[in-house]
Amino acid sequence: MEHRNMKTLITTLCIVYKHPKILLGMKKRGFATGKWNGFGGKVEAETIEENVKRETKEECGIEIKDIEKVGLMDFEFKDNPEVVQVHIFRTENFSGDPIETDEMRPQWFHVDEIPFKEMWADDPFWIPLLLQGKKFKGKFLYEGHAKILEHEIEEVAQL
């Protein structure tokens, strides 16, 4: 999957993990409505780390104390000239209780009961790596928002 003169959109995603549970949010509006996901969004006039902390607070009300970058993924959608680059973080250190917002309805899931059928099709490829404390890089090519045409993912020592 070579990038063909494509524009890159930089985004973040944070998975809140308190073993044996993971906090996900049901997206209520906008891109990916109806899917369980982590928290994050488009990076604008801020650092990637500032973005993931701000977005997580806005989307579910918790304040992240520290984060660990665990993944870097590029997503392409067939017939779309834009690459969505997602910087994936994991946190176990936060304050506050998750609250529902206009955008997300947060819910804790046991790691054995993650609702993969109601999530992005790529999530089963990398969430297990995140839960095992591994770092990874990958690329996915989608047709629509449900079908993966191509993918590659690898564990890396550092990002």
C-alpha atoms as a PDB file:
ATOM      1  CA  MET A   1       0.000   0.000   0.000  1.00  0.00           C
ATOM      2  CA  GLU A   2       1.974   2.950  -1.248  1.00  0.00           C
ATOM      3  CA  HIS A   3       0.752   6.454  -0.505  1.00  0.00           C
ATOM      4  CA  ARG A   4      -0.159   8.042  -3.819  1.00  0.00           C
ATOM      5  CA  ASN A   5       0.306  11.809  -3.286  1.00  0.00           C
ATOM      6  CA  MET A   6      -2.163  11.619  -0.479  1.00  0.00           C
ATOM      7  CA  LYS A   7      -3.043  14.198   2.136  1.00  0.00           C
ATOM      8  CA  THR A   8      -2.560  12.972   5.712  1.00  0.00           C
ATOM      9  CA  LEU A   9      -5.010  13.712   8.498  1.00  0.00           C
ATOM     10  CA  ILE A  10      -3.340  13.347  11.918  1.00  0.00           C
ATOM     11  CA  THR A  11      -5.611  11.930  14.634  1.00  0.00           C
ATOM     12  CA  THR A  12      -5.355  10.395  18.098  1.00  0.00           C
ATOM     13  CA  LEU A  13      -6.975   7.489  19.890  1.00  0.00           C
ATOM     14  CA  CYS A  14      -6.709   6.660  23.589  1.00  0.00           C
ATOM     15  CA  ILE A  15      -7.610   3.336  25.165  1.00  0.00           C
ATOM     16  CA  VAL A  16      -8.244   3.594  28.899  1.00  0.00           C
ATOM     17  CA  TYR A  17      -7.230   0.288  30.473  1.00  0.00           C
ATOM     18  CA  LYS A  18      -7.662  -0.790  34.089  1.00  0.00           C
ATOM     19  CA  HIS A  19      -7.025  -4.529  34.074  1.00  0.00           C
ATOM     20  CA  PRO A  20      -9.223  -6.494  33.571  1.00  0.00           C
ATOM     21  CA  LYS A  21     -11.403  -3.763  32.025  1.00  0.00           C
ATOM     22  CA  ILE A  22     -11.194  -1.424  29.066  1.00  0.00           C
ATOM     23  CA  LEU A  23     -13.184   1.805  28.680  1.00  0.00           C
ATOM     24  CA  LEU A  24     -14.802   2.356  25.290  1.00  0.00           C
ATOM     25  CA  GLY A  25     -17.255   4.960  24.084  1.00  0.00           C
ATOM     26  CA  MET A  26     -20.306   4.464  21.861  1.00  0.00           C
ATOM     27  CA  LYS A  27     -20.039   7.171  19.199  1.00  0.00           C
ATOM     28  CA  LYS A  28     -23.288   9.129  19.127  1.00  0.00           C
ATOM     29  CA  ARG A  29     -22.670  11.520  16.222  1.00  0.00           C
ATOM     30  CA  GLY A  30     -20.298  12.347  13.375  1.00  0.00           C
ATOM     31  CA  PHE A  31     -17.720   9.978  11.881  1.00  0.00           C
ATOM     32  CA  ALA A  32     -18.150   6.357  13.089  1.00  0.00           C
ATOM     33  CA  THR A  33     -21.577   6.874  14.707  1.00  0.00           C
ATOM     34  CA  GLY A  34     -22.833   3.614  16.211  1.00  0.00           C
ATOM     35  CA  LYS A  35     -19.386   2.098  16.815  1.00  0.00           C
ATOM     36  CA  TRP A  36     -17.596   1.463  20.112  1.00  0.00           C
ATOM     37  CA  ASN A  37     -14.207   3.138  20.051  1.00  0.00           C
ATOM     38  CA  GLY A  38     -11.493   4.693  22.145  1.00  0.00           C
ATOM     39  CA  PHE A  39     -11.330   8.453  22.675  1.00  0.00           C
ATOM     40  CA  GLY A  40      -9.531  11.003  20.502  1.00  0.00           C
ATOM     41  CA  GLY A  41      -9.859  13.112  17.406  1.00  0.00           C
ATOM     42  CA  LYS A  42      -8.249  15.341  14.817  1.00  0.00           C
ATOM     43  CA  VAL A  43      -5.062  17.106  15.867  1.00  0.00           C
ATOM     44  CA  GLU A  44      -5.273  20.836  15.224  1.00  0.00           C
ATOM     45  CA  ALA A  45      -3.167  23.630  16.785  1.00  0.00           C
ATOM     46  CA  GLU A  46      -1.797  21.478  19.626  1.00  0.00           C
ATOM     47  CA  THR A  47       0.628  18.635  20.196  1.00  0.00           C
ATOM     48  CA  ILE A  48      -0.507  15.051  19.690  1.00  0.00           C
ATOM     49  CA  GLU A  49      -0.277  14.458  23.458  1.00  0.00           C
ATOM     50  CA  GLU A  50      -2.299  17.606  24.269  1.00  0.00           C
ATOM     51  CA  ASN A  51      -4.917  16.523  21.745  1.00  0.00           C
ATOM     52  CA  VAL A  52      -5.438  13.043  23.163  1.00  0.00           C
ATOM     53  CA  LYS A  53      -5.776  14.400  26.703  1.00  0.00           C
ATOM     54  CA  ARG A  54      -8.197  17.171  25.654  1.00  0.00           C
ATOM     55  CA  GLU A  55     -10.326  14.915  23.444  1.00  0.00           C
ATOM     56  CA  THR A  56     -10.599  12.215  26.120  1.00  0.00           C
ATOM     57  CA  LYS A  57     -11.739  14.803  28.683  1.00  0.00           C
ATOM     58  CA  GLU A  58     -14.269  16.293  26.227  1.00  0.00           C
ATOM     59  CA  GLU A  59     -15.633  12.919  25.126  1.00  0.00           C
ATOM     60  CA  CYS A  60     -15.959  11.101  28.466  1.00  0.00           C
ATOM     61  CA  GLY A  61     -15.072  13.516  31.276  1.00  0.00           C
ATOM     62  CA  ILE A  62     -11.955  11.816  32.630  1.00  0.00           C
ATOM     63  CA  GLU A  63      -8.604  13.518  33.029  1.00  0.00           C
ATOM     64  CA  ILE A  64      -5.598  11.558  31.810  1.00  0.00           C
ATOM     65  CA  LYS A  65      -2.560  11.793  34.090  1.00  0.00           C
ATOM     66  CA  ASP A  66      -0.060  10.098  31.829  1.00  0.00           C
ATOM     67  CA  ILE A  67      -0.170   8.247  28.534  1.00  0.00           C
ATOM     68  CA  GLU A  68       1.989   5.779  26.689  1.00  0.00           C
ATOM     69  CA  LYS A  69       2.152   5.835  22.902  1.00  0.00           C
ATOM     70  CA  VAL A  70       1.678   2.247  21.779  1.00  0.00           C
ATOM     71  CA  GLY A  71       0.659   2.397  18.134  1.00  0.00           C
ATOM     72  CA  LEU A  72       0.877   4.241  14.850  1.00  0.00           C
ATOM     73  CA  MET A  73      -1.597   3.247  12.158  1.00  0.00           C
ATOM     74  CA  ASP A  74      -2.367   4.543   8.671  1.00  0.00           C
ATOM     75  CA  PHE A  75      -5.878   4.073   7.341  1.00  0.00           C
ATOM     76  CA  GLU A  76      -6.812   4.520   3.716  1.00  0.00           C
ATOM     77  CA  PHE A  77     -10.283   4.329   2.265  1.00  0.00           C
ATOM     78  CA  LYS A  78     -10.645   3.187  -1.346  1.00  0.00           C
ATOM     79  CA  ASP A  79     -11.450   6.117  -3.654  1.00  0.00           C
ATOM     80  CA  ASN A  80     -10.550   8.659  -0.948  1.00  0.00           C
ATOM     81  CA  PRO A  81      -7.301  10.625  -1.428  1.00  0.00           C
ATOM     82  CA  GLU A  82      -6.761  11.089   2.319  1.00  0.00           C
ATOM     83  CA  VAL A  83      -4.695   8.955   4.708  1.00  0.00           C
ATOM     84  CA  VAL A  84      -5.930   8.974   8.299  1.00  0.00           C
ATOM     85  CA  GLN A  85      -2.888   8.543  10.541  1.00  0.00           C
ATOM     86  CA  VAL A  86      -3.854   7.474  14.060  1.00  0.00           C
ATOM     87  CA  HIS A  87      -1.485   7.864  17.012  1.00  0.00           C
ATOM     88  CA  ILE A  88      -2.707   5.278  19.536  1.00  0.00           C
ATOM     89  CA  PHE A  89      -2.183   5.747  23.264  1.00  0.00           C
ATOM     90  CA  ARG A  90      -2.897   3.682  26.324  1.00  0.00           C
ATOM     91  CA  THR A  91      -3.463   5.004  29.823  1.00  0.00           C
ATOM     92  CA  GLU A  92      -4.070   3.393  33.189  1.00  0.00           C
ATOM     93  CA  ASN A  93      -3.600   6.619  35.138  1.00  0.00           C
ATOM     94  CA  PHE A  94      -6.542   9.023  35.139  1.00  0.00           C
ATOM     95  CA  SER A  95      -8.886  10.856  37.482  1.00  0.00           C
ATOM     96  CA  GLY A  96     -12.625  11.311  37.475  1.00  0.00           C
ATOM     97  CA  ASP A  97     -15.455   8.992  36.524  1.00  0.00           C
ATOM     98  CA  PRO A  98     -16.533   8.516  32.908  1.00  0.00           C
ATOM     99  CA  ILE A  99     -19.647  10.495  32.001  1.00  0.00           C
ATOM    100  CA  GLU A 100     -21.855  10.498  28.917  1.00  0.00           C
ATOM    101  CA  THR A 101     -21.370  13.504  26.629  1.00  0.00           C
ATOM    102  CA  ASP A 102     -23.027  14.745  23.438  1.00  0.00           C
ATOM    103  CA  GLU A 103     -20.509  12.704  21.460  1.00  0.00           C
ATOM    104  CA  MET A 104     -19.887   9.498  23.421  1.00  0.00           C
ATOM    105  CA  ARG A 105     -21.534   7.103  25.871  1.00  0.00           C
ATOM    106  CA  PRO A 106     -18.664   5.464  27.811  1.00  0.00           C
ATOM    107  CA  GLN A 107     -18.862   1.929  29.172  1.00  0.00           C
ATOM    108  CA  TRP A 108     -16.391  -0.449  30.840  1.00  0.00           C
ATOM    109  CA  PHE A 109     -15.943  -3.870  29.220  1.00  0.00           C
ATOM    110  CA  HIS A 110     -14.130  -6.902  30.592  1.00  0.00           C
ATOM    111  CA  VAL A 111     -11.212  -7.716  28.263  1.00  0.00           C
ATOM    112  CA  ASP A 112     -12.873 -11.053  27.439  1.00  0.00           C
ATOM    113  CA  GLU A 113     -16.081  -9.263  26.375  1.00  0.00           C
ATOM    114  CA  ILE A 114     -14.838  -6.482  24.089  1.00  0.00           C
ATOM    115  CA  PRO A 115     -17.673  -5.834  21.551  1.00  0.00           C
ATOM    116  CA  PHE A 116     -15.532  -6.285  18.413  1.00  0.00           C
ATOM    117  CA  LYS A 117     -18.599  -6.869  16.190  1.00  0.00           C
ATOM    118  CA  GLU A 118     -19.704  -3.281  16.942  1.00  0.00           C
ATOM    119  CA  MET A 119     -16.244  -1.764  16.421  1.00  0.00           C
ATOM    120  CA  TRP A 120     -13.972  -0.957  13.478  1.00  0.00           C
ATOM    121  CA  ALA A 121     -12.922  -4.118  11.622  1.00  0.00           C
ATOM    122  CA  ASP A 122      -9.226  -3.413  12.340  1.00  0.00           C
ATOM    123  CA  ASP A 123      -9.623  -3.323  16.140  1.00  0.00           C
ATOM    124  CA  PRO A 124      -9.261  -7.111  16.683  1.00  0.00           C
ATOM    125  CA  PHE A 125      -5.842  -6.913  14.954  1.00  0.00           C
ATOM    126  CA  TRP A 126      -4.283  -4.407  17.368  1.00  0.00           C
ATOM    127  CA  ILE A 127      -6.289  -4.149  20.614  1.00  0.00           C
ATOM    128  CA  PRO A 128      -4.902  -7.530  21.829  1.00  0.00           C
ATOM    129  CA  LEU A 129      -1.359  -6.159  21.249  1.00  0.00           C
ATOM    130  CA  LEU A 130      -2.218  -3.029  23.259  1.00  0.00           C
ATOM    131  CA  LEU A 131      -3.624  -5.143  26.107  1.00  0.00           C
ATOM    132  CA  GLN A 132      -0.399  -7.202  26.143  1.00  0.00           C
ATOM    133  CA  GLY A 133       1.667  -4.015  26.523  1.00  0.00           C
ATOM    134  CA  LYS A 134       3.182  -4.267  23.031  1.00  0.00           C
ATOM    135  CA  LYS A 135       3.894  -1.487  20.549  1.00  0.00           C
ATOM    136  CA  PHE A 136       2.870  -1.752  16.900  1.00  0.00           C
ATOM    137  CA  LYS A 137       2.661  -0.070  13.509  1.00  0.00           C
ATOM    138  CA  GLY A 138       0.277  -0.872  10.724  1.00  0.00           C
ATOM    139  CA  LYS A 139      -1.641   0.054   7.596  1.00  0.00           C
ATOM    140  CA  PHE A 140      -5.193  -0.791   6.626  1.00  0.00           C
ATOM    141  CA  LEU A 141      -7.023  -0.210   3.352  1.00  0.00           C
ATOM    142  CA  TYR A 142     -10.805  -0.148   3.680  1.00  0.00           C
ATOM    143  CA  GLU A 143     -13.598  -0.338   1.154  1.00  0.00           C
ATOM    144  CA  GLY A 144     -16.391   1.604   2.808  1.00  0.00           C
ATOM    145  CA  HIS A 145     -16.278   1.573   6.606  1.00  0.00           C
ATOM    146  CA  ALA A 146     -16.596  -2.174   7.183  1.00  0.00           C
ATOM    147  CA  LYS A 147     -14.501  -4.150   4.684  1.00  0.00           C
ATOM    148  CA  ILE A 148     -10.711  -4.424   4.941  1.00  0.00           C
ATOM    149  CA  LEU A 149      -9.125  -4.957   1.507  1.00  0.00           C
ATOM    150  CA  GLU A 150      -5.480  -5.050   2.628  1.00  0.00           C
ATOM    151  CA  HIS A 151      -3.627  -4.797   5.896  1.00  0.00           C
ATOM    152  CA  GLU A 152      -0.233  -5.154   7.474  1.00  0.00           C
ATOM    153  CA  ILE A 153       0.637  -4.848  11.145  1.00  0.00           C
ATOM    154  CA  GLU A 154       3.877  -5.476  12.998  1.00  0.00           C
ATOM    155  CA  GLU A 155       5.155  -5.294  16.535  1.00  0.00           C
ATOM    156  CA  VAL A 156       7.909  -2.711  17.013  1.00  0.00           C
ATOM    157  CA  ALA A 157      10.360  -2.097  19.837  1.00  0.00           C
ATOM    158  CA  GLN A 158       9.704   1.644  19.907  1.00  0.00           C
ATOM    159  CA  LEU A 159       7.735   4.365  18.127  1.00  0.00           C
END
